[in-house]
Amino acid sequence: GRQTILLVQGGTGGSLVVRRELHAAGCRAA
């Protein structure tokens, strides 16, 4: 029911970058 994206070597704050890009792409999924 919910997807997890794991960044390996995502860099400090990589999760923030991905979250911003998903929002910019129009992703509304949990």
PDB file of all heavy atoms in Angstrom:
ATOM      1  N   GLY A   1       0.780  -1.225   0.000  1.00  0.00           N
ATOM      2  CA  GLY A   1       0.000   0.000   0.000  1.00  0.00           C
ATOM      3  C   GLY A   1       0.811   1.275   0.000  1.00  0.00           C
ATOM      4  O   GLY A   1       0.282   2.344  -0.191  1.00  0.00           O
ATOM      5  N   ARG A   2       2.102   1.190   0.227  1.00  0.00           N
ATOM      6  CA  ARG A   2       2.962   2.375   0.270  1.00  0.00           C
ATOM      7  C   ARG A   2       4.335   1.948  -0.242  1.00  0.00           C
ATOM      8  O   ARG A   2       4.814   0.886   0.092  1.00  0.00           O
ATOM      9  CB  ARG A   2       3.066   2.878   1.697  1.00  0.00           C
ATOM     10  CG  ARG A   2       3.786   4.185   1.848  1.00  0.00           C
ATOM     11  CD  ARG A   2       3.742   4.614   3.322  1.00  0.00           C
ATOM     12  NE  ARG A   2       4.345   5.904   3.492  1.00  0.00           N
ATOM     13  CZ  ARG A   2       3.682   7.001   3.844  1.00  0.00           C
ATOM     14  NH1 ARG A   2       2.393   6.944   4.057  1.00  0.00           N
ATOM     15  NH2 ARG A   2       4.322   8.145   3.987  1.00  0.00           N
ATOM     16  N   GLN A   3       4.959   2.791  -1.028  1.00  0.00           N
ATOM     17  CA  GLN A   3       6.248   2.433  -1.607  1.00  0.00           C
ATOM     18  C   GLN A   3       7.380   3.146  -0.853  1.00  0.00           C
ATOM     19  O   GLN A   3       7.220   4.281  -0.416  1.00  0.00           O
ATOM     20  CB  GLN A   3       6.275   2.842  -3.077  1.00  0.00           C
ATOM     21  CG  GLN A   3       7.338   2.162  -3.893  1.00  0.00           C
ATOM     22  CD  GLN A   3       7.128   2.408  -5.378  1.00  0.00           C
ATOM     23  OE1 GLN A   3       7.188   3.545  -5.838  1.00  0.00           O
ATOM     24  NE2 GLN A   3       6.877   1.356  -6.117  1.00  0.00           N
ATOM     25  N   THR A   4       8.505   2.439  -0.696  1.00  0.00           N
ATOM     26  CA  THR A   4       9.706   3.021  -0.114  1.00  0.00           C
ATOM     27  C   THR A   4      10.773   3.110  -1.192  1.00  0.00           C
ATOM     28  O   THR A   4      11.015   2.135  -1.902  1.00  0.00           O
ATOM     29  CB  THR A   4      10.243   2.158   1.052  1.00  0.00           C
ATOM     30  OG1 THR A   4       9.282   2.130   2.098  1.00  0.00           O
ATOM     31  CG2 THR A   4      11.554   2.713   1.592  1.00  0.00           C
ATOM     32  N   ILE A   5      11.391   4.268  -1.325  1.00  0.00           N
ATOM     33  CA  ILE A   5      12.536   4.451  -2.214  1.00  0.00           C
ATOM     34  C   ILE A   5      13.758   4.576  -1.316  1.00  0.00           C
ATOM     35  O   ILE A   5      13.820   5.476  -0.477  1.00  0.00           O
ATOM     36  CB  ILE A   5      12.387   5.711  -3.086  1.00  0.00           C
ATOM     37  CG1 ILE A   5      11.151   5.596  -3.972  1.00  0.00           C
ATOM     38  CG2 ILE A   5      13.652   5.934  -3.924  1.00  0.00           C
ATOM     39  CD1 ILE A   5      10.813   6.872  -4.719  1.00  0.00           C
ATOM     40  N   LEU A   6      14.711   3.656  -1.473  1.00  0.00           N
ATOM     41  CA  LEU A   6      15.945   3.683  -0.693  1.00  0.00           C
ATOM     42  C   LEU A   6      17.088   4.109  -1.595  1.00  0.00           C
ATOM     43  O   LEU A   6      17.352   3.477  -2.616  1.00  0.00           O
ATOM     44  CB  LEU A   6      16.255   2.301  -0.098  1.00  0.00           C
ATOM     45  CG  LEU A   6      17.628   2.166   0.564  1.00  0.00           C
ATOM     46  CD1 LEU A   6      17.750   3.084   1.785  1.00  0.00           C
ATOM     47  CD2 LEU A   6      17.886   0.714   0.952  1.00  0.00           C
ATOM     48  N   LEU A   7      17.767   5.182  -1.225  1.00  0.00           N
ATOM     49  CA  LEU A   7      18.941   5.643  -1.946  1.00  0.00           C
ATOM     50  C   LEU A   7      20.173   5.088  -1.249  1.00  0.00           C
ATOM     51  O   LEU A   7      20.376   5.340  -0.059  1.00  0.00           O
ATOM     52  CB  LEU A   7      19.010   7.172  -1.936  1.00  0.00           C
ATOM     53  CG  LEU A   7      17.792   7.919  -2.453  1.00  0.00           C
ATOM     54  CD1 LEU A   7      17.971   9.410  -2.244  1.00  0.00           C
ATOM     55  CD2 LEU A   7      17.554   7.595  -3.910  1.00  0.00           C
ATOM     56  N   VAL A   8      20.959   4.336  -1.965  1.00  0.00           N
ATOM     57  CA  VAL A   8      22.213   3.842  -1.416  1.00  0.00           C
ATOM     58  C   VAL A   8      23.295   4.771  -1.930  1.00  0.00           C
ATOM     59  O   VAL A   8      23.455   4.928  -3.142  1.00  0.00           O
ATOM     60  CB  VAL A   8      22.475   2.379  -1.825  1.00  0.00           C
ATOM     61  CG1 VAL A   8      23.828   1.907  -1.297  1.00  0.00           C
ATOM     62  CG2 VAL A   8      21.360   1.480  -1.312  1.00  0.00           C
ATOM     63  N   GLN A   9      23.988   5.426  -1.018  1.00  0.00           N
ATOM     64  CA  GLN A   9      24.921   6.502  -1.332  1.00  0.00           C
ATOM     65  C   GLN A   9      24.138   7.675  -1.898  1.00  0.00           C
ATOM     66  O   GLN A   9      24.546   8.289  -2.876  1.00  0.00           O
ATOM     67  CB  GLN A   9      26.006   6.062  -2.304  1.00  0.00           C
ATOM     68  CG  GLN A   9      27.097   5.236  -1.677  1.00  0.00           C
ATOM     69  CD  GLN A   9      27.954   6.017  -0.717  1.00  0.00           C
ATOM     70  OE1 GLN A   9      27.617   6.139   0.433  1.00  0.00           O
ATOM     71  NE2 GLN A   9      29.047   6.539  -1.174  1.00  0.00           N
ATOM     72  N   GLY A  10      23.016   7.952  -1.308  1.00  0.00           N
ATOM     73  CA  GLY A  10      22.198   9.051  -1.784  1.00  0.00           C
ATOM     74  C   GLY A  10      22.786  10.413  -1.468  1.00  0.00           C
ATOM     75  O   GLY A  10      22.303  11.419  -1.936  1.00  0.00           O
ATOM     76  N   GLY A  11      23.837  10.428  -0.694  1.00  0.00           N
ATOM     77  CA  GLY A  11      24.437  11.695  -0.288  1.00  0.00           C
ATOM     78  C   GLY A  11      23.632  12.281   0.855  1.00  0.00           C
ATOM     79  O   GLY A  11      22.439  12.034   0.994  1.00  0.00           O
ATOM     80  N   THR A  12      24.273  13.029   1.712  1.00  0.00           N
ATOM     81  CA  THR A  12      23.561  13.641   2.821  1.00  0.00           C
ATOM     82  C   THR A  12      22.470  14.540   2.268  1.00  0.00           C
ATOM     83  O   THR A  12      22.728  15.420   1.459  1.00  0.00           O
ATOM     84  CB  THR A  12      24.529  14.449   3.698  1.00  0.00           C
ATOM     85  OG1 THR A  12      25.551  13.569   4.146  1.00  0.00           O
ATOM     86  CG2 THR A  12      23.819  15.075   4.878  1.00  0.00           C
ATOM     87  N   GLY A  13      21.262  14.268   2.662  1.00  0.00           N
ATOM     88  CA  GLY A  13      20.133  15.049   2.170  1.00  0.00           C
ATOM     89  C   GLY A  13      19.578  14.568   0.847  1.00  0.00           C
ATOM     90  O   GLY A  13      18.700  15.204   0.281  1.00  0.00           O
ATOM     91  N   GLY A  14      20.056  13.437   0.340  1.00  0.00           N
ATOM     92  CA  GLY A  14      19.544  12.912  -0.926  1.00  0.00           C
ATOM     93  C   GLY A  14      18.045  12.671  -0.880  1.00  0.00           C
ATOM     94  O   GLY A  14      17.342  12.860  -1.876  1.00  0.00           O
ATOM     95  N   SER A  15      17.551  12.277   0.288  1.00  0.00           N
ATOM     96  CA  SER A  15      16.113  12.054   0.439  1.00  0.00           C
ATOM     97  C   SER A  15      15.323  13.339   0.209  1.00  0.00           C
ATOM     98  O   SER A  15      14.233  13.318  -0.351  1.00  0.00           O
ATOM     99  CB  SER A  15      15.799  11.513   1.834  1.00  0.00           C
ATOM    100  OG  SER A  15      16.397  10.267   2.026  1.00  0.00           O
ATOM    101  N   LEU A  16      15.877  14.446   0.653  1.00  0.00           N
ATOM    102  CA  LEU A  16      15.219  15.744   0.444  1.00  0.00           C
ATOM    103  C   LEU A  16      15.150  16.076  -1.039  1.00  0.00           C
ATOM    104  O   LEU A  16      14.132  16.579  -1.526  1.00  0.00           O
ATOM    105  CB  LEU A  16      15.966  16.846   1.194  1.00  0.00           C
ATOM    106  CG  LEU A  16      15.988  16.711   2.715  1.00  0.00           C
ATOM    107  CD1 LEU A  16      16.974  17.703   3.311  1.00  0.00           C
ATOM    108  CD2 LEU A  16      14.602  16.902   3.295  1.00  0.00           C
ATOM    109  N   VAL A  17      16.223  15.792  -1.766  1.00  0.00           N
ATOM    110  CA  VAL A  17      16.260  16.059  -3.206  1.00  0.00           C
ATOM    111  C   VAL A  17      15.217  15.211  -3.923  1.00  0.00           C
ATOM    112  O   VAL A  17      14.452  15.703  -4.751  1.00  0.00           O
ATOM    113  CB  VAL A  17      17.674  15.792  -3.781  1.00  0.00           C
ATOM    114  CG1 VAL A  17      17.675  15.894  -5.300  1.00  0.00           C
ATOM    115  CG2 VAL A  17      18.683  16.748  -3.170  1.00  0.00           C
ATOM    116  N   VAL A  18      15.165  13.935  -3.586  1.00  0.00           N
ATOM    117  CA  VAL A  18      14.195  13.039  -4.234  1.00  0.00           C
ATOM    118  C   VAL A  18      12.773  13.454  -3.897  1.00  0.00           C
ATOM    119  O   VAL A  18      11.914  13.504  -4.766  1.00  0.00           O
ATOM    120  CB  VAL A  18      14.460  11.568  -3.861  1.00  0.00           C
ATOM    121  CG1 VAL A  18      13.332  10.666  -4.321  1.00  0.00           C
ATOM    122  CG2 VAL A  18      15.787  11.112  -4.451  1.00  0.00           C
ATOM    123  N   ARG A  19      12.519  13.781  -2.656  1.00  0.00           N
ATOM    124  CA  ARG A  19      11.176  14.226  -2.256  1.00  0.00           C
ATOM    125  C   ARG A  19      10.777  15.465  -3.068  1.00  0.00           C
ATOM    126  O   ARG A  19       9.667  15.555  -3.576  1.00  0.00           O
ATOM    127  CB  ARG A  19      11.175  14.521  -0.752  1.00  0.00           C
ATOM    128  CG  ARG A  19       9.919  15.079  -0.203  1.00  0.00           C
ATOM    129  CD  ARG A  19       8.807  14.114  -0.015  1.00  0.00           C
ATOM    130  NE  ARG A  19       9.122  13.073   0.930  1.00  0.00           N
ATOM    131  CZ  ARG A  19       8.466  11.926   0.953  1.00  0.00           C
ATOM    132  NH1 ARG A  19       7.485  11.698   0.109  1.00  0.00           N
ATOM    133  NH2 ARG A  19       8.764  10.992   1.808  1.00  0.00           N
ATOM    134  N   ARG A  20      11.678  16.425  -3.225  1.00  0.00           N
ATOM    135  CA  ARG A  20      11.401  17.640  -4.004  1.00  0.00           C
ATOM    136  C   ARG A  20      11.126  17.291  -5.468  1.00  0.00           C
ATOM    137  O   ARG A  20      10.185  17.811  -6.079  1.00  0.00           O
ATOM    138  CB  ARG A  20      12.577  18.610  -3.905  1.00  0.00           C
ATOM    139  CG  ARG A  20      12.324  19.906  -4.665  1.00  0.00           C
ATOM    140  CD  ARG A  20      13.523  20.813  -4.688  1.00  0.00           C
ATOM    141  NE  ARG A  20      14.556  20.164  -5.485  1.00  0.00           N
ATOM    142  CZ  ARG A  20      15.857  20.234  -5.256  1.00  0.00           C
ATOM    143  NH1 ARG A  20      16.317  20.918  -4.245  1.00  0.00           N
ATOM    144  NH2 ARG A  20      16.715  19.614  -6.036  1.00  0.00           N
ATOM    145  N   GLU A  21      11.917  16.373  -6.052  1.00  0.00           N
ATOM    146  CA  GLU A  21      11.739  15.993  -7.452  1.00  0.00           C
ATOM    147  C   GLU A  21      10.419  15.248  -7.659  1.00  0.00           C
ATOM    148  O   GLU A  21       9.749  15.448  -8.673  1.00  0.00           O
ATOM    149  CB  GLU A  21      12.917  15.150  -7.938  1.00  0.00           C
ATOM    150  CG  GLU A  21      14.216  15.914  -8.035  1.00  0.00           C
ATOM    151  CD  GLU A  21      14.150  17.071  -9.000  1.00  0.00           C
ATOM    152  OE1 GLU A  21      13.522  16.952 -10.074  1.00  0.00           O
ATOM    153  OE2 GLU A  21      14.711  18.142  -8.676  1.00  0.00           O
ATOM    154  N   LEU A  22      10.045  14.397  -6.717  1.00  0.00           N
ATOM    155  CA  LEU A  22       8.756  13.699  -6.829  1.00  0.00           C
ATOM    156  C   LEU A  22       7.610  14.710  -6.800  1.00  0.00           C
ATOM    157  O   LEU A  22       6.664  14.606  -7.583  1.00  0.00           O
ATOM    158  CB  LEU A  22       8.602  12.678  -5.709  1.00  0.00           C
ATOM    159  CG  LEU A  22       9.516  11.458  -5.782  1.00  0.00           C
ATOM    160  CD1 LEU A  22       9.399  10.635  -4.506  1.00  0.00           C
ATOM    161  CD2 LEU A  22       9.212  10.619  -7.009  1.00  0.00           C
ATOM    162  N   HIS A  23       7.703  15.679  -5.917  1.00  0.00           N
ATOM    163  CA  HIS A  23       6.670  16.718  -5.848  1.00  0.00           C
ATOM    164  C   HIS A  23       6.619  17.509  -7.158  1.00  0.00           C
ATOM    165  O   HIS A  23       5.542  17.769  -7.696  1.00  0.00           O
ATOM    166  CB  HIS A  23       6.930  17.648  -4.660  1.00  0.00           C
ATOM    167  CG  HIS A  23       5.919  18.725  -4.523  1.00  0.00           C
ATOM    168  ND1 HIS A  23       4.644  18.486  -4.033  1.00  0.00           N
ATOM    169  CD2 HIS A  23       5.966  20.042  -4.843  1.00  0.00           C
ATOM    170  CE1 HIS A  23       3.965  19.612  -4.054  1.00  0.00           C
ATOM    171  NE2 HIS A  23       4.743  20.572  -4.532  1.00  0.00           N
ATOM    172  N   ALA A  24       7.796  17.868  -7.693  1.00  0.00           N
ATOM    173  CA  ALA A  24       7.855  18.620  -8.958  1.00  0.00           C
ATOM    174  C   ALA A  24       7.283  17.813 -10.120  1.00  0.00           C
ATOM    175  O   ALA A  24       6.728  18.381 -11.061  1.00  0.00           O
ATOM    176  CB  ALA A  24       9.301  19.027  -9.266  1.00  0.00           C
ATOM    177  N   ALA A  25       7.389  16.486 -10.048  1.00  0.00           N
ATOM    178  CA  ALA A  25       6.864  15.621 -11.111  1.00  0.00           C
ATOM    179  C   ALA A  25       5.365  15.367 -10.945  1.00  0.00           C
ATOM    180  O   ALA A  25       4.756  14.684 -11.757  1.00  0.00           O
ATOM    181  CB  ALA A  25       7.612  14.291 -11.115  1.00  0.00           C
ATOM    182  N   GLY A  26       4.778  15.903  -9.872  1.00  0.00           N
ATOM    183  CA  GLY A  26       3.342  15.741  -9.674  1.00  0.00           C
ATOM    184  C   GLY A  26       2.966  14.492  -8.900  1.00  0.00           C
ATOM    185  O   GLY A  26       1.798  14.106  -8.868  1.00  0.00           O
ATOM    186  N   CYS A  27       3.914  13.860  -8.244  1.00  0.00           N
ATOM    187  CA  CYS A  27       3.629  12.653  -7.469  1.00  0.00           C
ATOM    188  C   CYS A  27       2.825  13.010  -6.229  1.00  0.00           C
ATOM    189  O   CYS A  27       3.227  13.845  -5.433  1.00  0.00           O
ATOM    190  CB  CYS A  27       4.939  11.976  -7.069  1.00  0.00           C
ATOM    191  SG  CYS A  27       4.684  10.536  -6.004  1.00  0.00           S
ATOM    192  N   ARG A  28       1.699  12.367  -6.072  1.00  0.00           N
ATOM    193  CA  ARG A  28       0.866  12.576  -4.891  1.00  0.00           C
ATOM    194  C   ARG A  28       0.731  11.286  -4.086  1.00  0.00           C
ATOM    195  O   ARG A  28      -0.001  11.226  -3.112  1.00  0.00           O
ATOM    196  CB  ARG A  28      -0.519  13.090  -5.288  1.00  0.00           C
ATOM    197  CG  ARG A  28      -0.481  14.417  -6.044  1.00  0.00           C
ATOM    198  CD  ARG A  28       0.070  15.540  -5.171  1.00  0.00           C
ATOM    199  NE  ARG A  28       0.186  16.776  -5.917  1.00  0.00           N
ATOM    200  CZ  ARG A  28       1.330  17.297  -6.349  1.00  0.00           C
ATOM    201  NH1 ARG A  28       2.468  16.682  -6.122  1.00  0.00           N
ATOM    202  NH2 ARG A  28       1.363  18.427  -7.008  1.00  0.00           N
ATOM    203  N   ALA A  29       1.432  10.224  -4.499  1.00  0.00           N
ATOM    204  CA  ALA A  29       1.369   8.939  -3.798  1.00  0.00           C
ATOM    205  C   ALA A  29       2.069   9.051  -2.454  1.00  0.00           C
ATOM    206  O   ALA A  29       2.967   9.866  -2.262  1.00  0.00           O
ATOM    207  CB  ALA A  29       2.039   7.851  -4.642  1.00  0.00           C
ATOM    208  N   ALA A  30       1.647   8.214  -1.512  1.00  0.00           N
ATOM    209  CA  ALA A  30       2.312   8.135  -0.211  1.00  0.00           C
ATOM    210  C   ALA A  30       3.610   7.354  -0.402  1.00  0.00           C
ATOM    211  O   ALA A  30       3.591   6.166  -0.701  1.00  0.00           O
ATOM    212  CB  ALA A  30       1.402   7.428   0.794  1.00  0.00           C
TER     213      ALA A  30
END
